[in-house]
Amino acid sequence: MKTDGNELTGPLLAEAADSPLSHASRTGDSVSRWRGRLLVVAAALLWSTSGLFVKAAPVFAEWPEEIRGLLLAFWRAVFAALILSPFVRQRRLNWLLVPLGLFFVLMNLTYLSAMVLGTAANAIWLQYTAPAWVFFMSWLFFRESADQRDIMPLACAIAGVVVILFFEFRRVGVGAGGVPWGTVLGLISGLAYAGVLVFMRRLRGEDPAWLVVFNHVLVVAVLFPFLAVWGRIPSLGQLVVLMAFGSLQMALPYYLLIKGLKDIPSQEAVLIGLIEPLVMPLWVWLVWAEIPAFWTIVGGGIILFGLVIRYTFLEGSRPETAKDGASLGSHLTGQEASGDKKAATFSAFAKKNCR
């Protein structure tokens, strides 16, 4: 009697799916996924502590506000580079490291200065507009075609920035010549962050740890002459806080993210990472009693809405016209489609290494 193969394979597959071994495998996968999620949550929570360190006014009160952000950037980079250096497996020079490093330096200086001169909420939300600016920078630098899925977060980012800037300039008084420097620097940090994402995407084949260490070493090299001129040497107590800033807020989260990405896709890691801009203003409010203005909450909410829509409802639709690397997803959510696990790990961390 001739038997159709499906008559045999169908029941066999069904039986295999219900077997104890298959159930154990699914249980193991579920445990691994949850372990990965918890590791990335822990990384996002640690990254969200940047506001606690920057706003530690009693510790750094003797440092002038106009240079405090630069000093914090220098010492955080020192300790982060020292701790992350052992993770570097391959060092390779590439001319793209130059624009990447310059954007990274600008991003760090403006982000931390924005937090010192303004509110932590303003700084983090304005920097989170970076994925939208990637839309423009990808075309500007590499003439990559646009992905229509990125129009939503781009529009939301512009709307959120307009809301924040309008009320910030209104608060300081445009007619009186006032400039909300914290807000302006926060916006610049978002643009610089976009440059970092664009060039990190181009260097996705390199060792992620090497690029992160290179960027932090460059921050140290650029700021060291200024530090020598200013003559601001941290006290022992300040050094302890700065060491925690570089290790707990930067190095340890990097390690946790790398471990977590072994169990979950980088797309999911990006979504979990949205915990950071939500939680950081909360930490600063609880510890330092800094309350965000209502326009920051409204503008930040608009920006978050665009990002959530982009990485949930719109992620499944991939326009045929979009080229590799043109979309926010390819910059931020990893490269599983190409099978490059290192690129996936790197792209997810690219979204975080600036904090």
Protein backbone atom coordinates (compact mmCIF):
# COMPACT_ATOMS: atom_id res chain seq x y z
CA MET A 1 0.00 0.00 0.00
CA LYS A 2 1.39 3.36 -1.02
CA THR A 3 1.56 5.77 1.82
CA ASP A 4 1.85 9.54 1.58
CA GLY A 5 4.85 10.77 3.53
CA ASN A 6 2.69 13.33 5.31
CA GLU A 7 0.62 10.53 6.83
CA LEU A 8 3.72 9.41 8.66
CA THR A 9 5.57 12.61 9.31
CA GLY A 10 2.48 14.46 10.54
CA PRO A 11 1.76 12.13 13.49
CA LEU A 12 5.48 11.76 14.18
CA LEU A 13 5.98 15.52 14.40
CA ALA A 14 2.91 15.89 16.59
CA GLU A 15 4.17 13.15 18.89
CA ALA A 16 7.62 14.71 19.00
CA ALA A 17 6.15 18.09 19.87
CA ASP A 18 4.32 16.55 22.83
CA SER A 19 7.29 14.50 24.01
CA PRO A 20 8.93 15.25 27.38
CA LEU A 21 12.17 16.09 25.59
CA SER A 22 10.43 18.71 23.43
CA HIS A 23 8.64 20.12 26.46
CA ALA A 24 11.94 20.36 28.33
CA SER A 25 13.49 22.13 25.35
CA ARG A 26 10.67 24.67 25.22
CA THR A 27 10.92 25.17 28.97
CA GLY A 28 14.66 25.72 28.68
CA ASP A 29 14.17 28.25 25.88
CA SER A 30 11.58 30.08 27.97
CA VAL A 31 13.92 30.25 30.95
CA SER A 32 16.73 31.51 28.72
CA ARG A 33 14.52 34.21 27.22
CA TRP A 34 13.45 35.43 30.63
CA ARG A 35 17.02 35.39 31.85
CA GLY A 36 18.02 37.48 28.83
CA ARG A 37 15.16 39.91 29.43
CA LEU A 38 16.07 40.34 33.09
CA LEU A 39 19.71 40.98 32.20
CA VAL A 40 18.72 43.69 29.70
CA VAL A 41 16.28 45.21 32.20
CA ALA A 42 19.12 45.35 34.74
CA ALA A 43 21.34 47.03 32.13
CA ALA A 44 18.67 49.62 31.30
CA LEU A 45 18.12 50.38 35.00
CA LEU A 46 21.85 50.86 35.54
CA TRP A 47 22.09 53.15 32.49
CA SER A 48 19.19 55.15 33.90
CA THR A 49 21.30 56.10 36.93
CA SER A 50 23.29 58.65 34.92
CA GLY A 51 21.07 61.43 36.25
CA LEU A 52 21.81 60.41 39.84
CA PHE A 53 25.54 60.86 39.30
CA VAL A 54 25.35 64.03 37.23
CA LYS A 55 22.89 65.67 39.61
CA ALA A 56 24.97 64.79 42.68
CA ALA A 57 25.37 68.49 43.50
CA PRO A 58 26.62 67.99 47.08
CA VAL A 59 29.49 65.87 45.78
CA PHE A 60 30.53 68.12 42.89
CA ALA A 61 29.33 71.49 44.16
CA GLU A 62 32.83 73.00 44.01
CA TRP A 63 33.04 72.31 40.28
CA PRO A 64 31.70 75.25 38.23
CA GLU A 65 28.49 74.36 36.36
CA GLU A 66 29.84 75.53 33.02
CA ILE A 67 32.61 72.89 33.06
CA ARG A 68 31.09 70.27 35.36
CA GLY A 69 29.64 68.25 32.50
CA LEU A 70 33.03 68.10 30.76
CA LEU A 71 34.78 66.99 33.95
CA LEU A 72 32.20 64.28 34.52
CA ALA A 73 32.56 63.13 30.91
CA PHE A 74 36.35 62.89 31.30
CA TRP A 75 36.40 60.84 34.49
CA ARG A 76 33.53 58.56 33.46
CA ALA A 77 35.38 57.82 30.22
CA VAL A 78 38.60 57.09 32.14
CA PHE A 79 37.05 54.43 34.36
CA ALA A 80 34.78 52.98 31.66
CA ALA A 81 37.76 52.53 29.31
CA LEU A 82 39.87 50.92 32.02
CA ILE A 83 37.15 48.44 32.98
CA LEU A 84 36.04 47.58 29.44
CA SER A 85 39.56 47.20 27.99
CA PRO A 86 39.88 43.50 28.99
CA PHE A 87 36.81 42.72 26.87
CA VAL A 88 38.52 43.88 23.67
CA ARG A 89 39.37 40.93 21.43
CA GLN A 90 40.43 42.60 18.19
CA ARG A 91 41.85 46.06 17.47
CA ARG A 92 41.64 47.23 13.89
CA LEU A 93 42.03 50.76 12.55
CA ASN A 94 39.51 52.16 10.07
CA TRP A 95 39.13 55.71 8.76
CA LEU A 96 35.46 55.63 9.84
CA LEU A 97 36.70 55.63 13.43
CA VAL A 98 37.53 59.33 13.00
CA PRO A 99 33.99 60.65 12.37
CA LEU A 100 32.58 58.07 14.80
CA GLY A 101 34.92 59.23 17.55
CA LEU A 102 34.26 62.93 16.92
CA PHE A 103 30.49 62.42 17.05
CA PHE A 104 30.90 60.35 20.21
CA VAL A 105 32.96 63.05 21.93
CA LEU A 106 30.47 65.75 20.97
CA MET A 107 27.57 63.57 22.13
CA ASN A 108 29.09 62.91 25.56
CA LEU A 109 30.07 66.50 26.22
CA THR A 110 26.73 67.96 25.18
CA TYR A 111 24.62 65.27 26.88
CA LEU A 112 26.26 65.54 30.30
CA SER A 113 26.45 69.34 30.06
CA ALA A 114 22.76 69.43 29.13
CA MET A 115 21.96 67.46 32.25
CA VAL A 116 24.05 69.77 34.44
CA LEU A 117 22.59 72.99 33.00
CA GLY A 118 19.01 71.73 32.57
CA THR A 119 16.80 68.94 33.79
CA ALA A 120 17.68 65.27 33.46
CA ALA A 121 14.34 64.60 31.77
CA ASN A 122 15.00 67.21 29.06
CA ALA A 123 18.48 65.83 28.40
CA ILE A 124 17.45 62.19 28.05
CA TRP A 125 14.35 62.85 25.94
CA LEU A 126 16.10 65.21 23.55
CA GLN A 127 18.84 62.65 23.09
CA TYR A 128 16.23 60.00 22.34
CA THR A 129 15.32 61.95 19.20
CA ALA A 130 18.52 60.55 17.65
CA PRO A 131 16.86 57.59 15.87
CA ALA A 132 14.74 60.07 13.92
CA TRP A 133 17.76 62.15 12.85
CA VAL A 134 19.35 58.94 11.54
CA PHE A 135 16.66 59.17 8.86
CA PHE A 136 18.41 62.29 7.49
CA MET A 137 22.02 61.44 8.28
CA SER A 138 21.90 58.09 6.47
CA TRP A 139 21.00 59.93 3.30
CA LEU A 140 23.36 62.85 3.94
CA PHE A 141 26.50 60.77 4.50
CA PHE A 142 25.84 57.61 2.50
CA ARG A 143 22.86 58.43 0.23
CA GLU A 144 20.88 55.53 1.65
CA SER A 145 17.22 55.42 0.66
CA ALA A 146 14.65 56.14 3.35
CA ASP A 147 12.46 53.57 5.03
CA GLN A 148 8.83 54.68 5.22
CA ARG A 149 8.49 53.01 8.61
CA ASP A 150 10.75 55.74 10.01
CA ILE A 151 8.39 58.57 9.11
CA MET A 152 6.26 58.03 12.22
CA PRO A 153 9.10 58.31 14.80
CA LEU A 154 10.59 61.17 12.79
CA ALA A 155 7.34 63.15 12.89
CA CYS A 156 6.88 62.39 16.59
CA ALA A 157 10.47 63.42 17.36
CA ILE A 158 10.03 66.74 15.56
CA ALA A 159 6.71 67.38 17.31
CA GLY A 160 8.18 66.52 20.72
CA VAL A 161 11.21 68.76 20.17
CA VAL A 162 8.99 71.66 19.04
CA VAL A 163 6.90 71.35 22.21
CA ILE A 164 9.95 71.31 24.49
CA LEU A 165 11.82 74.11 22.68
CA PHE A 166 8.76 76.37 22.47
CA PHE A 167 8.10 76.30 26.20
CA GLU A 168 11.81 76.38 27.16
CA PHE A 169 12.46 79.53 25.11
CA ARG A 170 9.24 81.00 26.42
CA ARG A 171 10.38 80.27 29.98
CA VAL A 172 13.72 82.06 29.66
CA GLY A 173 12.30 84.87 27.54
CA VAL A 174 13.42 85.09 23.93
CA GLY A 175 12.95 88.85 23.84
CA ALA A 176 15.34 89.23 26.75
CA GLY A 177 18.02 87.31 24.89
CA GLY A 178 17.77 84.28 27.17
CA VAL A 179 18.96 80.92 25.89
CA PRO A 180 18.01 77.61 27.60
CA TRP A 181 21.46 76.13 27.14
CA GLY A 182 20.55 72.86 28.79
CA THR A 183 17.82 72.31 26.20
CA VAL A 184 19.95 73.46 23.26
CA LEU A 185 22.82 71.17 24.28
CA GLY A 186 20.37 68.31 24.73
CA LEU A 187 19.17 68.77 21.16
CA ILE A 188 22.75 68.87 19.87
CA SER A 189 23.50 65.67 21.79
CA GLY A 190 20.61 63.98 19.97
CA LEU A 191 22.02 65.04 16.60
CA ALA A 192 25.52 63.89 17.60
CA TYR A 193 24.08 60.60 18.84
CA ALA A 194 22.52 60.09 15.42
CA GLY A 195 25.98 60.50 13.88
CA VAL A 196 27.30 57.86 16.27
CA LEU A 197 24.55 55.44 15.25
CA VAL A 198 25.15 55.99 11.54
CA PHE A 199 28.90 55.35 11.71
CA MET A 200 28.62 52.51 14.22
CA ARG A 201 26.28 50.85 11.75
CA ARG A 202 28.99 51.14 9.09
CA LEU A 203 31.52 49.58 11.48
CA ARG A 204 29.24 46.73 12.55
CA GLY A 205 31.81 44.13 11.50
CA GLU A 206 34.32 45.39 14.06
CA ASP A 207 34.72 44.19 17.63
CA PRO A 208 32.04 46.09 19.63
CA ALA A 209 34.19 46.33 22.75
CA TRP A 210 37.07 47.79 20.72
CA LEU A 211 34.88 50.55 19.30
CA VAL A 212 33.43 51.43 22.70
CA VAL A 213 36.86 51.57 24.33
CA PHE A 214 38.26 53.58 21.41
CA ASN A 215 35.47 56.14 21.78
CA HIS A 216 36.03 56.56 25.50
CA VAL A 217 39.80 56.82 25.10
CA LEU A 218 39.23 59.57 22.53
CA VAL A 219 37.04 61.45 25.03
CA VAL A 220 39.89 61.26 27.55
CA ALA A 221 42.44 62.43 24.96
CA VAL A 222 40.33 65.41 23.84
CA LEU A 223 39.50 66.58 27.36
CA PHE A 224 42.85 65.97 29.06
CA PRO A 225 44.45 69.30 27.96
CA PHE A 226 41.46 71.20 29.32
CA LEU A 227 41.62 69.25 32.56
CA ALA A 228 45.28 70.20 32.90
CA VAL A 229 44.43 73.88 32.41
CA TRP A 230 41.48 73.84 34.80
CA GLY A 231 43.49 72.00 37.45
CA ARG A 232 40.44 70.27 38.90
CA ILE A 233 41.70 67.16 40.65
CA PRO A 234 38.93 65.11 42.30
CA SER A 235 39.06 64.41 46.01
CA LEU A 236 39.11 60.84 47.28
CA GLY A 237 35.35 60.93 47.86
CA GLN A 238 34.73 62.32 44.39
CA LEU A 239 36.96 59.65 42.85
CA VAL A 240 34.86 56.93 44.48
CA VAL A 241 31.68 58.40 42.99
CA LEU A 242 33.34 58.84 39.59
CA MET A 243 34.60 55.26 39.64
CA ALA A 244 31.05 54.10 40.34
CA PHE A 245 29.84 56.34 37.52
CA GLY A 246 32.20 54.71 35.02
CA SER A 247 31.78 51.14 36.25
CA LEU A 248 28.17 50.81 37.44
CA GLN A 249 26.54 53.19 34.96
CA MET A 250 28.63 52.27 31.89
CA ALA A 251 30.83 49.18 32.11
CA LEU A 252 28.58 46.77 34.04
CA PRO A 253 25.48 47.48 31.90
CA TYR A 254 27.55 46.77 28.80
CA TYR A 255 28.48 43.35 30.17
CA LEU A 256 24.86 42.59 31.15
CA LEU A 257 23.58 43.59 27.72
CA ILE A 258 26.09 41.36 25.93
CA LYS A 259 25.04 38.43 28.13
CA GLY A 260 21.34 39.17 27.61
CA LEU A 261 21.64 39.34 23.83
CA LYS A 262 22.67 35.69 23.82
CA ASP A 263 19.09 34.78 24.77
CA ILE A 264 16.87 37.44 23.18
CA PRO A 265 16.89 39.27 19.82
CA SER A 266 18.32 42.77 19.79
CA GLN A 267 14.93 44.11 18.64
CA GLU A 268 13.47 43.06 21.98
CA ALA A 269 16.49 44.53 23.77
CA VAL A 270 15.83 47.90 22.14
CA LEU A 271 12.23 47.90 23.34
CA ILE A 272 13.27 46.93 26.87
CA GLY A 273 15.83 49.74 26.72
CA LEU A 274 12.99 52.27 26.58
CA ILE A 275 12.79 51.74 30.34
CA GLU A 276 15.78 54.10 30.66
CA PRO A 277 14.19 57.44 29.64
CA LEU A 278 11.10 56.58 31.68
CA VAL A 279 12.94 55.68 34.87
CA MET A 280 15.83 58.16 34.89
CA PRO A 281 13.70 61.26 35.63
CA LEU A 282 12.01 59.23 38.37
CA TRP A 283 15.34 58.47 40.06
CA VAL A 284 16.35 62.13 39.91
CA TRP A 285 12.99 63.18 41.36
CA LEU A 286 13.18 60.64 44.20
CA VAL A 287 16.79 61.38 45.17
CA TRP A 288 17.35 65.02 44.19
CA ALA A 289 13.72 66.29 44.08
CA GLU A 290 14.04 67.54 40.48
CA ILE A 291 10.58 67.69 38.89
CA PRO A 292 10.33 67.77 35.08
CA ALA A 293 8.26 70.56 33.55
CA PHE A 294 4.90 69.55 32.09
CA TRP A 295 6.11 70.35 28.56
CA THR A 296 9.02 67.94 29.00
CA ILE A 297 6.57 65.18 29.95
CA VAL A 298 4.31 66.01 26.99
CA GLY A 299 7.17 66.29 24.49
CA GLY A 300 8.90 63.19 25.84
CA GLY A 301 5.65 61.27 25.67
CA ILE A 302 5.25 62.15 21.99
CA ILE A 303 8.81 60.99 21.27
CA LEU A 304 8.26 57.73 23.16
CA PHE A 305 4.97 57.12 21.34
CA GLY A 306 6.73 57.31 17.97
CA LEU A 307 9.48 54.91 19.08
CA VAL A 308 7.04 52.36 20.49
CA ILE A 309 4.90 52.41 17.33
CA ARG A 310 8.01 52.05 15.19
CA TYR A 311 9.36 49.02 17.02
CA THR A 312 6.04 47.22 17.57
CA PHE A 313 3.31 47.75 14.98
CA LEU A 314 5.56 48.92 12.13
CA GLU A 315 8.47 46.55 12.67
CA GLY A 316 6.83 43.62 10.92
CA SER A 317 6.34 45.46 7.62
CA ARG A 318 9.57 45.74 5.65
CA PRO A 319 9.25 47.88 2.51
CA GLU A 320 11.04 46.46 -0.51
CA THR A 321 12.43 49.87 -1.35
CA ALA A 322 14.38 50.17 1.86
CA LYS A 323 18.04 49.34 1.45
CA ASP A 324 20.18 47.65 4.03
CA GLY A 325 21.14 50.11 6.73
CA ALA A 326 18.63 52.80 5.71
CA SER A 327 16.07 52.22 8.41
CA LEU A 328 16.11 52.92 12.09
CA GLY A 329 15.59 49.22 12.63
CA SER A 330 18.82 48.32 10.89
CA HIS A 331 20.65 50.90 12.96
CA LEU A 332 19.13 50.01 16.28
CA THR A 333 17.60 46.57 16.25
CA GLY A 334 20.40 44.36 15.01
CA GLN A 335 21.18 42.36 11.91
CA GLU A 336 19.65 38.94 12.54
CA ALA A 337 18.41 38.81 8.95
CA SER A 338 21.98 38.71 7.69
CA GLY A 339 22.95 36.10 10.27
CA ASP A 340 25.62 38.35 11.76
CA LYS A 341 25.28 37.82 15.51
CA LYS A 342 28.16 40.14 16.32
CA ALA A 343 26.46 42.91 14.36
CA ALA A 344 23.22 42.27 16.21
CA THR A 345 24.98 42.52 19.55
CA PHE A 346 26.83 45.62 18.45
CA SER A 347 23.76 47.41 17.08
CA ALA A 348 21.80 46.90 20.26
CA PHE A 349 24.69 48.21 22.35
CA ALA A 350 25.14 51.14 19.98
CA LYS A 351 21.84 52.41 21.24
CA LYS A 352 23.18 52.43 24.78
CA ASN A 353 26.86 53.17 24.82
CA CYS A 354 26.37 56.91 25.07
CA ARG A 355 24.65 57.06 28.41
